[in-house]
Structure formats: C-alpha cells, structure tokens
Amino acid sequence: MENEIRVCLFNMILEKLRRIGVSESEIGDDFDLVGSGLLNSLEFVEIVALLEKEFHCEIDYEAAFEKGELTTPGGLIRTFENHMHG
C-alpha cells in the first residue's frame, strides 16, 4: 500500500517538481513539501483531499499535525497507511 500512496502523491506533484528542476528521486521522505515552498498550504490540503478520495478514507488533520511530519512525503504516507490499517 505504501508504494500505491507514494506513486499517487508523486503523480500529483510531478508538474511542480519539473518546474523547479527537481526529480522525484531527489525528494526524500523527510522533504517538507510546504516548508520548502514546493506547495502552499492550500495546494497541500487539496492534495490530502485527493488522496483521501483516492484511498476512500478521511484522516484526522489535528492528530496528524501533532506528530509534526504530515507535510513530508514519508509522514503523509505513514499517516494514510496508519489510518487505513487502523
């Protein structure tokens, strides 16, 4: 499941990465998508909403933000995996 979430996430941000000349392989699990300026907060929320729709789940934003890693690919993927696997 992790790979499916990762592929979906990176497909959503691929155009942004191309615009700044960065490849997917250069983005580690701890890369802050919002803090880096790659995505603004609205774009990030839109991506989370699209992932929720794609994977038929709804995450608890408050709990996810408390962990402090939601805006990284690794944190986002773990958040969805944890939610989907209970």
C-alpha atoms as a PDB file:
ATOM      1  CA  MET A   1       0.000   0.000   0.000  1.00  0.00           C
ATOM      2  CA  GLU A   2       2.880   2.379   0.759  1.00  0.00           C
ATOM      3  CA  ASN A   3       4.003   2.240  -2.859  1.00  0.00           C
ATOM      4  CA  GLU A   4       0.496   2.996  -4.146  1.00  0.00           C
ATOM      5  CA  ILE A   5       0.229   6.055  -1.918  1.00  0.00           C
ATOM      6  CA  ARG A   6       3.737   7.197  -2.887  1.00  0.00           C
ATOM      7  CA  VAL A   7       3.037   6.849  -6.617  1.00  0.00           C
ATOM      8  CA  CYS A   8      -0.244   8.727  -6.297  1.00  0.00           C
ATOM      9  CA  LEU A   9       1.355  11.523  -4.256  1.00  0.00           C
ATOM     10  CA  PHE A  10       4.272  11.988  -6.625  1.00  0.00           C
ATOM     11  CA  ASN A  11       1.975  11.944  -9.670  1.00  0.00           C
ATOM     12  CA  MET A  12       0.127  14.862  -8.066  1.00  0.00           C
ATOM     13  CA  ILE A  13       3.278  16.933  -7.507  1.00  0.00           C
ATOM     14  CA  LEU A  14       5.227  15.868 -10.603  1.00  0.00           C
ATOM     15  CA  GLU A  15       4.489  19.027 -12.580  1.00  0.00           C
ATOM     16  CA  LYS A  16       5.602  21.234  -9.681  1.00  0.00           C
ATOM     17  CA  LEU A  17       8.822  19.233  -9.369  1.00  0.00           C
ATOM     18  CA  ARG A  18       9.518  19.587 -13.100  1.00  0.00           C
ATOM     19  CA  ARG A  19       9.007  23.345 -12.930  1.00  0.00           C
ATOM     20  CA  ILE A  20      11.727  23.720 -10.327  1.00  0.00           C
ATOM     21  CA  GLY A  21      14.016  21.190 -11.991  1.00  0.00           C
ATOM     22  CA  VAL A  22      13.851  18.518  -9.296  1.00  0.00           C
ATOM     23  CA  SER A  23      13.356  14.819  -9.929  1.00  0.00           C
ATOM     24  CA  GLU A  24      11.286  12.510  -7.760  1.00  0.00           C
ATOM     25  CA  SER A  25      14.429  10.648  -6.736  1.00  0.00           C
ATOM     26  CA  GLU A  26      15.802  13.857  -5.191  1.00  0.00           C
ATOM     27  CA  ILE A  27      12.834  14.126  -2.807  1.00  0.00           C
ATOM     28  CA  GLY A  28      13.398  12.136   0.363  1.00  0.00           C
ATOM     29  CA  ASP A  29      10.793  11.031   2.859  1.00  0.00           C
ATOM     30  CA  ASP A  30      11.713  13.939   5.142  1.00  0.00           C
ATOM     31  CA  PHE A  31      11.440  16.680   2.473  1.00  0.00           C
ATOM     32  CA  ASP A  32       8.957  19.274   3.725  1.00  0.00           C
ATOM     33  CA  LEU A  33       6.565  19.869   0.833  1.00  0.00           C
ATOM     34  CA  VAL A  34       5.140  23.045   2.373  1.00  0.00           C
ATOM     35  CA  GLY A  35       8.143  24.363   4.298  1.00  0.00           C
ATOM     36  CA  SER A  36      10.284  24.088   1.158  1.00  0.00           C
ATOM     37  CA  GLY A  37       7.846  26.249  -0.791  1.00  0.00           C
ATOM     38  CA  LEU A  38       7.050  23.474  -3.279  1.00  0.00           C
ATOM     39  CA  LEU A  39       3.395  23.594  -2.201  1.00  0.00           C
ATOM     40  CA  ASN A  40       1.465  26.312  -0.474  1.00  0.00           C
ATOM     41  CA  SER A  41      -0.922  25.340   2.313  1.00  0.00           C
ATOM     42  CA  LEU A  42      -3.982  25.320   0.059  1.00  0.00           C
ATOM     43  CA  GLU A  43      -2.273  23.080  -2.504  1.00  0.00           C
ATOM     44  CA  PHE A  44      -1.236  20.742   0.288  1.00  0.00           C
ATOM     45  CA  VAL A  45      -4.786  20.499   1.631  1.00  0.00           C
ATOM     46  CA  GLU A  46      -6.047  19.837  -1.906  1.00  0.00           C
ATOM     47  CA  ILE A  47      -3.541  17.001  -2.315  1.00  0.00           C
ATOM     48  CA  VAL A  48      -4.567  15.474   1.010  1.00  0.00           C
ATOM     49  CA  ALA A  49      -8.225  15.703  -0.051  1.00  0.00           C
ATOM     50  CA  LEU A  50      -7.434  13.985  -3.361  1.00  0.00           C
ATOM     51  CA  LEU A  51      -5.539  11.229  -1.539  1.00  0.00           C
ATOM     52  CA  GLU A  52      -8.478  10.803   0.848  1.00  0.00           C
ATOM     53  CA  LYS A  53     -10.801  10.423  -2.123  1.00  0.00           C
ATOM     54  CA  GLU A  54      -8.439   8.053  -3.948  1.00  0.00           C
ATOM     55  CA  PHE A  55      -7.957   5.791  -0.929  1.00  0.00           C
ATOM     56  CA  HIS A  56     -11.502   6.131   0.461  1.00  0.00           C
ATOM     57  CA  CYS A  57     -10.547   7.414   3.871  1.00  0.00           C
ATOM     58  CA  GLU A  58     -10.506  10.582   5.921  1.00  0.00           C
ATOM     59  CA  ILE A  59      -7.540  11.479   8.070  1.00  0.00           C
ATOM     60  CA  ASP A  60      -7.632  13.366  11.335  1.00  0.00           C
ATOM     61  CA  TYR A  61      -5.701  16.547  10.472  1.00  0.00           C
ATOM     62  CA  GLU A  62      -5.304  17.621  14.076  1.00  0.00           C
ATOM     63  CA  ALA A  63      -3.783  14.324  15.189  1.00  0.00           C
ATOM     64  CA  ALA A  64      -1.606  14.143  12.082  1.00  0.00           C
ATOM     65  CA  PHE A  65      -0.242  17.669  12.534  1.00  0.00           C
ATOM     66  CA  GLU A  66       0.558  16.956  16.189  1.00  0.00           C
ATOM     67  CA  LYS A  67       3.092  14.370  15.027  1.00  0.00           C
ATOM     68  CA  GLY A  68       4.820  17.152  13.113  1.00  0.00           C
ATOM     69  CA  GLU A  69       5.591  15.282   9.935  1.00  0.00           C
ATOM     70  CA  LEU A  70       2.397  15.442   7.908  1.00  0.00           C
ATOM     71  CA  THR A  71       3.856  17.794   5.293  1.00  0.00           C
ATOM     72  CA  THR A  72       6.634  15.353   4.328  1.00  0.00           C
ATOM     73  CA  PRO A  73       6.143  12.510   1.832  1.00  0.00           C
ATOM     74  CA  GLY A  74       7.099   9.947   4.491  1.00  0.00           C
ATOM     75  CA  GLY A  75       4.792  11.456   7.099  1.00  0.00           C
ATOM     76  CA  LEU A  76       1.912  11.747   4.688  1.00  0.00           C
ATOM     77  CA  ILE A  77       2.324   8.162   3.522  1.00  0.00           C
ATOM     78  CA  ARG A  78       2.580   6.852   7.118  1.00  0.00           C
ATOM     79  CA  THR A  79      -0.487   8.865   8.112  1.00  0.00           C
ATOM     80  CA  PHE A  80      -2.551   7.283   5.348  1.00  0.00           C
ATOM     81  CA  GLU A  81      -1.174   3.795   5.983  1.00  0.00           C
ATOM     82  CA  ASN A  82      -1.879   4.045   9.720  1.00  0.00           C
ATOM     83  CA  HIS A  83      -5.394   5.287   9.079  1.00  0.00           C
ATOM     84  CA  MET A  84      -6.157   2.575   6.536  1.00  0.00           C
ATOM     85  CA  HIS A  85      -4.747  -0.228   8.679  1.00  0.00           C
ATOM     86  CA  GLY A  86      -6.337   1.020  11.871  1.00  0.00           C
END
